[in-house]
Amino acid sequence: MGERRRLLILNKADLADPGETAAWIGLLAGLGMDALAVSLFPGGRPARDGGILSARGLRSAVERLAASGRAPTGRASKVAVLGIPNVGKSSVLNAVAGRRRAPTGARPGVTRGRQWAVASQHLWLLDLPGVLPPAPRNDAELSILALIGALPEGAYDPLEVARFLLKAMQSRLGVSRAVTVLEIDPQGRDLRGPDALLDAFAARRGLLAPGGAVDALRASQALLAAYRRGGLGPLTLEESHAGPEV
């Protein structure tokens, strides 16, 4: 990137654990990186709740950063919005521009090509399609990408991803808290392990196949949908102590 400045935006912060978000920002700051936690969900948290910025706060932060790097000639600063698919790049651009300039959607691949947006006479924004660099990925990385919607349907096994999510919930929240979040009545059952939780989740919601057996595929899809819309509460999938890939 040379001398060009970078601002890392931790978007959808309302879906993440606040403590982990703060830890990530501290870790990135220690590495000399500017990072902001942002929630652009309408009617979400106040602008500075737990350090999370709203659209207005994000716009102010980007304008300050652009002004600090502006050429003496007074030419507009040009900012590229980069990231993997479906992390809200176009929503970030619209928030900074102050109006809807780019199409958005809850699936990867909505942005098809380069799109310039003029936020002001001093700030131009470039929206780019999300890109996943080709690289060997382990099962955990694939599951995380699937959970956040960065992979298209058909590129992953919903059941395996659901098991990964349930393991993460039990590890981060504990079994009893995970049961509460999933709105499961334990009824004295041993709910340790992802399969037991998924079966109870399916039964609670009537996601059953003919004959009364659990429909594991429908249950997995319902669980992933609940996670993506924030129905499982704030949960961070990558803990800060693992460190970032930079």
Protein backbone atom coordinates (compact mmCIF):
# COMPACT_ATOMS: atom_id res chain seq x y z
CA MET A 1 0.00 0.00 0.00
CA GLY A 2 3.04 2.30 0.18
CA GLU A 3 2.32 5.53 2.05
CA ARG A 4 -1.41 5.25 1.54
CA ARG A 5 -3.36 5.16 4.76
CA ARG A 6 -5.71 2.35 5.66
CA LEU A 7 -8.76 2.42 7.89
CA LEU A 8 -10.04 -0.97 9.01
CA ILE A 9 -13.79 -0.93 9.59
CA LEU A 10 -15.19 -3.64 11.87
CA ASN A 11 -18.69 -3.54 10.41
CA LYS A 12 -21.83 -5.16 11.89
CA ALA A 13 -20.35 -4.63 15.34
CA ASP A 14 -23.83 -4.97 16.86
CA LEU A 15 -23.60 -8.71 16.02
CA ALA A 16 -20.23 -9.16 17.78
CA ASP A 17 -19.21 -9.52 21.41
CA PRO A 18 -18.40 -5.96 22.62
CA GLY A 19 -15.46 -7.11 24.74
CA GLU A 20 -13.89 -8.97 21.83
CA THR A 21 -14.46 -5.99 19.53
CA ALA A 22 -12.65 -3.71 21.98
CA ALA A 23 -9.83 -6.25 22.25
CA TRP A 24 -9.50 -6.43 18.46
CA ILE A 25 -9.34 -2.64 18.15
CA GLY A 26 -6.67 -2.50 20.85
CA LEU A 27 -4.67 -5.23 19.17
CA LEU A 28 -4.85 -3.52 15.78
CA ALA A 29 -3.92 -0.17 17.32
CA GLY A 30 -0.86 -1.83 18.82
CA LEU A 31 0.11 -2.88 15.29
CA GLY A 32 -0.19 0.72 14.10
CA MET A 33 -3.54 0.27 12.31
CA ASP A 34 -6.50 2.63 12.46
CA ALA A 35 -9.66 0.63 13.21
CA LEU A 36 -13.26 1.54 13.98
CA ALA A 37 -16.22 -0.55 15.13
CA VAL A 38 -19.36 0.37 13.20
CA SER A 39 -23.06 -0.54 13.28
CA LEU A 40 -25.15 0.68 10.36
CA PHE A 41 -28.30 -1.22 11.31
CA PRO A 42 -31.27 1.21 11.31
CA GLY A 43 -32.59 1.82 14.77
CA GLY A 44 -29.58 0.07 16.30
CA ARG A 45 -27.33 1.17 19.11
CA PRO A 46 -26.63 4.84 19.86
CA ALA A 47 -23.70 6.39 18.05
CA ARG A 48 -21.15 5.76 20.79
CA ASP A 49 -22.62 2.81 22.67
CA GLY A 50 -19.62 0.75 23.72
CA GLY A 51 -17.40 2.61 21.26
CA ILE A 52 -19.51 1.61 18.25
CA LEU A 53 -19.99 4.31 15.63
CA SER A 54 -23.20 5.02 13.76
CA ALA A 55 -23.34 6.11 10.11
CA ARG A 56 -22.87 9.75 11.11
CA GLY A 57 -19.85 8.96 13.26
CA LEU A 58 -18.31 6.86 10.49
CA ARG A 59 -18.74 9.66 7.98
CA SER A 60 -17.02 12.14 10.30
CA ALA A 61 -14.13 9.74 10.94
CA VAL A 62 -13.55 9.07 7.24
CA GLU A 63 -13.73 12.77 6.38
CA ARG A 64 -11.11 13.54 9.07
CA LEU A 65 -8.83 10.79 7.79
CA ALA A 66 -9.21 11.94 4.18
CA ALA A 67 -8.50 15.56 5.13
CA SER A 68 -5.30 14.56 6.94
CA GLY A 69 -3.96 12.93 3.78
CA ARG A 70 -5.23 15.44 1.24
CA ALA A 71 -2.70 16.87 -1.20
CA PRO A 72 -1.70 20.55 -0.80
CA THR A 73 -3.28 21.22 -4.22
CA GLY A 74 -6.68 20.71 -2.62
CA ARG A 75 -7.64 17.90 -4.96
CA ALA A 76 -10.27 15.50 -3.65
CA SER A 77 -9.15 12.50 -1.64
CA LYS A 78 -10.03 9.21 -3.33
CA VAL A 79 -10.91 6.31 -1.05
CA ALA A 80 -11.36 2.70 -2.17
CA VAL A 81 -13.73 0.50 -0.16
CA LEU A 82 -12.18 -2.99 -0.12
CA GLY A 83 -13.15 -6.28 1.49
CA ILE A 84 -14.42 -9.81 1.05
CA PRO A 85 -17.99 -10.45 -0.20
CA ASN A 86 -21.05 -9.54 1.89
CA VAL A 87 -19.36 -7.66 4.73
CA GLY A 88 -21.28 -4.45 4.04
CA LYS A 89 -18.85 -2.49 1.85
CA SER A 90 -21.64 -0.82 -0.13
CA SER A 91 -23.50 0.00 3.09
CA VAL A 92 -20.33 1.64 4.41
CA LEU A 93 -19.98 3.64 1.18
CA ASN A 94 -23.61 4.80 1.40
CA ALA A 95 -23.13 5.80 5.04
CA VAL A 96 -20.05 7.87 4.25
CA ALA A 97 -21.62 9.40 1.14
CA GLY A 98 -24.66 10.38 3.20
CA ARG A 99 -27.11 8.89 0.69
CA ARG A 100 -27.81 5.67 -1.17
CA ARG A 101 -25.21 5.48 -3.94
CA ALA A 102 -24.56 1.75 -4.21
CA PRO A 103 -26.91 -1.27 -4.23
CA THR A 104 -26.86 -3.49 -1.15
CA GLY A 105 -28.17 -6.94 -0.27
CA ALA A 106 -27.80 -9.79 2.22
CA ARG A 107 -25.92 -12.02 -0.18
CA PRO A 108 -22.46 -12.01 -1.79
CA GLY A 109 -21.97 -10.57 -5.26
CA VAL A 110 -24.42 -7.63 -5.21
CA THR A 111 -21.69 -5.22 -6.36
CA ARG A 112 -20.77 -6.26 -9.91
CA GLY A 113 -18.19 -3.67 -10.93
CA ARG A 114 -16.39 -0.50 -9.96
CA GLN A 115 -18.66 2.35 -8.90
CA TRP A 116 -17.55 5.86 -8.00
CA ALA A 117 -19.57 7.94 -5.55
CA VAL A 118 -18.91 11.62 -4.83
CA ALA A 119 -19.43 12.20 -1.13
CA SER A 120 -18.34 15.85 -1.39
CA GLN A 121 -16.06 18.01 -3.50
CA HIS A 122 -13.22 16.84 -1.26
CA LEU A 123 -14.03 13.13 -1.02
CA TRP A 124 -14.59 10.51 -3.72
CA LEU A 125 -15.40 6.89 -2.87
CA LEU A 126 -14.78 3.80 -4.99
CA ASP A 127 -16.99 0.75 -4.36
CA LEU A 128 -15.45 -2.53 -5.52
CA PRO A 129 -16.78 -6.09 -5.75
CA GLY A 130 -15.85 -8.32 -2.84
CA VAL A 131 -12.92 -10.62 -3.48
CA LEU A 132 -11.79 -13.77 -1.69
CA PRO A 133 -8.12 -14.35 -2.51
CA PRO A 134 -7.43 -17.98 -3.43
CA ALA A 135 -5.74 -19.68 -0.50
CA PRO A 136 -5.79 -23.00 1.32
CA ARG A 137 -8.43 -22.78 4.06
CA ASN A 138 -9.08 -25.10 6.96
CA ASP A 139 -12.56 -26.20 8.05
CA ALA A 140 -12.85 -23.43 10.65
CA GLU A 141 -12.03 -20.69 8.13
CA LEU A 142 -14.51 -22.10 5.61
CA SER A 143 -17.21 -22.28 8.30
CA ILE A 144 -16.65 -18.67 9.36
CA LEU A 145 -16.82 -17.45 5.76
CA ALA A 146 -20.04 -19.40 5.26
CA LEU A 147 -21.57 -18.06 8.48
CA ILE A 148 -21.01 -14.43 7.56
CA GLY A 149 -22.44 -15.01 4.09
CA ALA A 150 -19.20 -14.58 2.17
CA LEU A 151 -19.66 -17.91 0.36
CA PRO A 152 -22.53 -18.67 -2.01
CA GLU A 153 -24.97 -21.44 -1.17
CA GLY A 154 -23.71 -24.73 -2.54
CA ALA A 155 -20.11 -23.92 -1.61
CA TYR A 156 -20.45 -25.37 1.90
CA ASP A 157 -22.31 -28.00 3.91
CA PRO A 158 -24.93 -26.27 6.11
CA LEU A 159 -24.86 -29.11 8.63
CA GLU A 160 -21.10 -28.89 9.17
CA VAL A 161 -21.29 -25.10 9.45
CA ALA A 162 -24.14 -25.38 11.97
CA ARG A 163 -22.05 -27.80 14.04
CA PHE A 164 -19.15 -25.35 13.98
CA LEU A 165 -21.43 -22.53 15.15
CA LEU A 166 -22.89 -24.61 17.98
CA LYS A 167 -19.42 -25.65 19.14
CA ALA A 168 -18.39 -21.97 19.15
CA MET A 169 -21.48 -21.03 21.16
CA GLN A 170 -20.80 -23.71 23.76
CA SER A 171 -17.13 -22.72 23.97
CA ARG A 172 -17.71 -18.95 24.24
CA LEU A 173 -21.00 -18.89 26.15
CA GLY A 174 -21.05 -22.18 28.03
CA VAL A 175 -23.64 -24.91 27.57
CA SER A 176 -26.35 -23.42 29.79
CA ARG A 177 -26.12 -19.96 28.18
CA ALA A 178 -26.15 -21.50 24.69
CA VAL A 179 -29.31 -23.41 25.60
CA THR A 180 -30.93 -20.18 26.78
CA VAL A 181 -29.94 -18.26 23.64
CA LEU A 182 -31.35 -21.04 21.44
CA GLU A 183 -34.58 -20.98 23.49
CA ILE A 184 -34.38 -24.70 24.21
CA ASP A 185 -36.12 -26.36 27.13
CA PRO A 186 -33.42 -28.71 28.50
CA GLN A 187 -35.95 -31.05 30.16
CA GLY A 188 -33.12 -32.79 31.99
CA ARG A 189 -31.39 -33.80 28.74
CA ASP A 190 -27.63 -33.85 28.22
CA LEU A 191 -27.17 -31.08 25.66
CA ARG A 192 -23.41 -31.13 25.49
CA GLY A 193 -22.16 -31.42 21.93
CA PRO A 194 -23.40 -29.77 18.72
CA ASP A 195 -25.60 -32.63 17.53
CA ALA A 196 -27.61 -32.74 20.77
CA LEU A 197 -28.12 -28.97 20.60
CA LEU A 198 -29.13 -29.08 16.94
CA ASP A 199 -31.66 -31.86 17.60
CA ALA A 200 -33.19 -29.87 20.47
CA PHE A 201 -33.21 -26.69 18.37
CA ALA A 202 -35.02 -28.53 15.57
CA ALA A 203 -37.56 -30.14 17.88
CA ARG A 204 -38.29 -26.80 19.59
CA ARG A 205 -39.15 -25.25 16.22
CA GLY A 206 -40.95 -28.23 14.72
CA LEU A 207 -38.29 -28.79 12.05
CA LEU A 208 -39.03 -32.46 11.65
CA ALA A 209 -39.08 -34.88 8.73
CA PRO A 210 -42.00 -37.25 8.04
CA GLY A 211 -42.18 -39.76 10.88
CA GLY A 212 -41.01 -37.25 13.48
CA ALA A 213 -37.26 -37.51 12.90
CA VAL A 214 -35.20 -34.32 13.07
CA ASP A 215 -34.73 -32.61 9.71
CA ALA A 216 -31.05 -31.77 10.17
CA LEU A 217 -30.75 -29.78 6.92
CA ARG A 218 -33.72 -27.50 7.65
CA ALA A 219 -32.58 -27.07 11.23
CA SER A 220 -29.07 -26.13 10.07
CA GLN A 221 -30.40 -23.60 7.57
CA ALA A 222 -32.70 -22.08 10.19
CA LEU A 223 -29.83 -21.81 12.67
CA LEU A 224 -27.54 -20.09 10.16
CA ALA A 225 -30.31 -17.66 9.20
CA ALA A 226 -30.90 -16.84 12.87
CA TYR A 227 -27.21 -16.13 13.40
CA ARG A 228 -26.95 -13.86 10.34
CA ARG A 229 -29.90 -11.70 11.35
CA GLY A 230 -28.60 -11.34 14.91
CA GLY A 231 -31.18 -13.66 16.45
CA LEU A 232 -28.54 -15.48 18.53
CA GLY A 233 -27.21 -12.36 20.21
CA PRO A 234 -23.69 -10.91 19.96
CA LEU A 235 -21.10 -13.56 19.18
CA THR A 236 -17.55 -13.17 17.86
CA LEU A 237 -16.26 -16.13 15.85
CA GLU A 238 -12.57 -15.17 15.82
CA GLU A 239 -11.04 -14.26 19.17
CA SER A 240 -8.43 -11.53 19.35
CA HIS A 241 -5.80 -13.66 21.10
CA ALA A 242 -5.39 -15.61 17.85
CA GLY A 243 -4.09 -12.44 16.20
CA PRO A 244 -4.93 -10.95 12.78
CA GLU A 245 -3.68 -11.94 9.36
CA VAL A 246 -2.04 -8.80 7.96
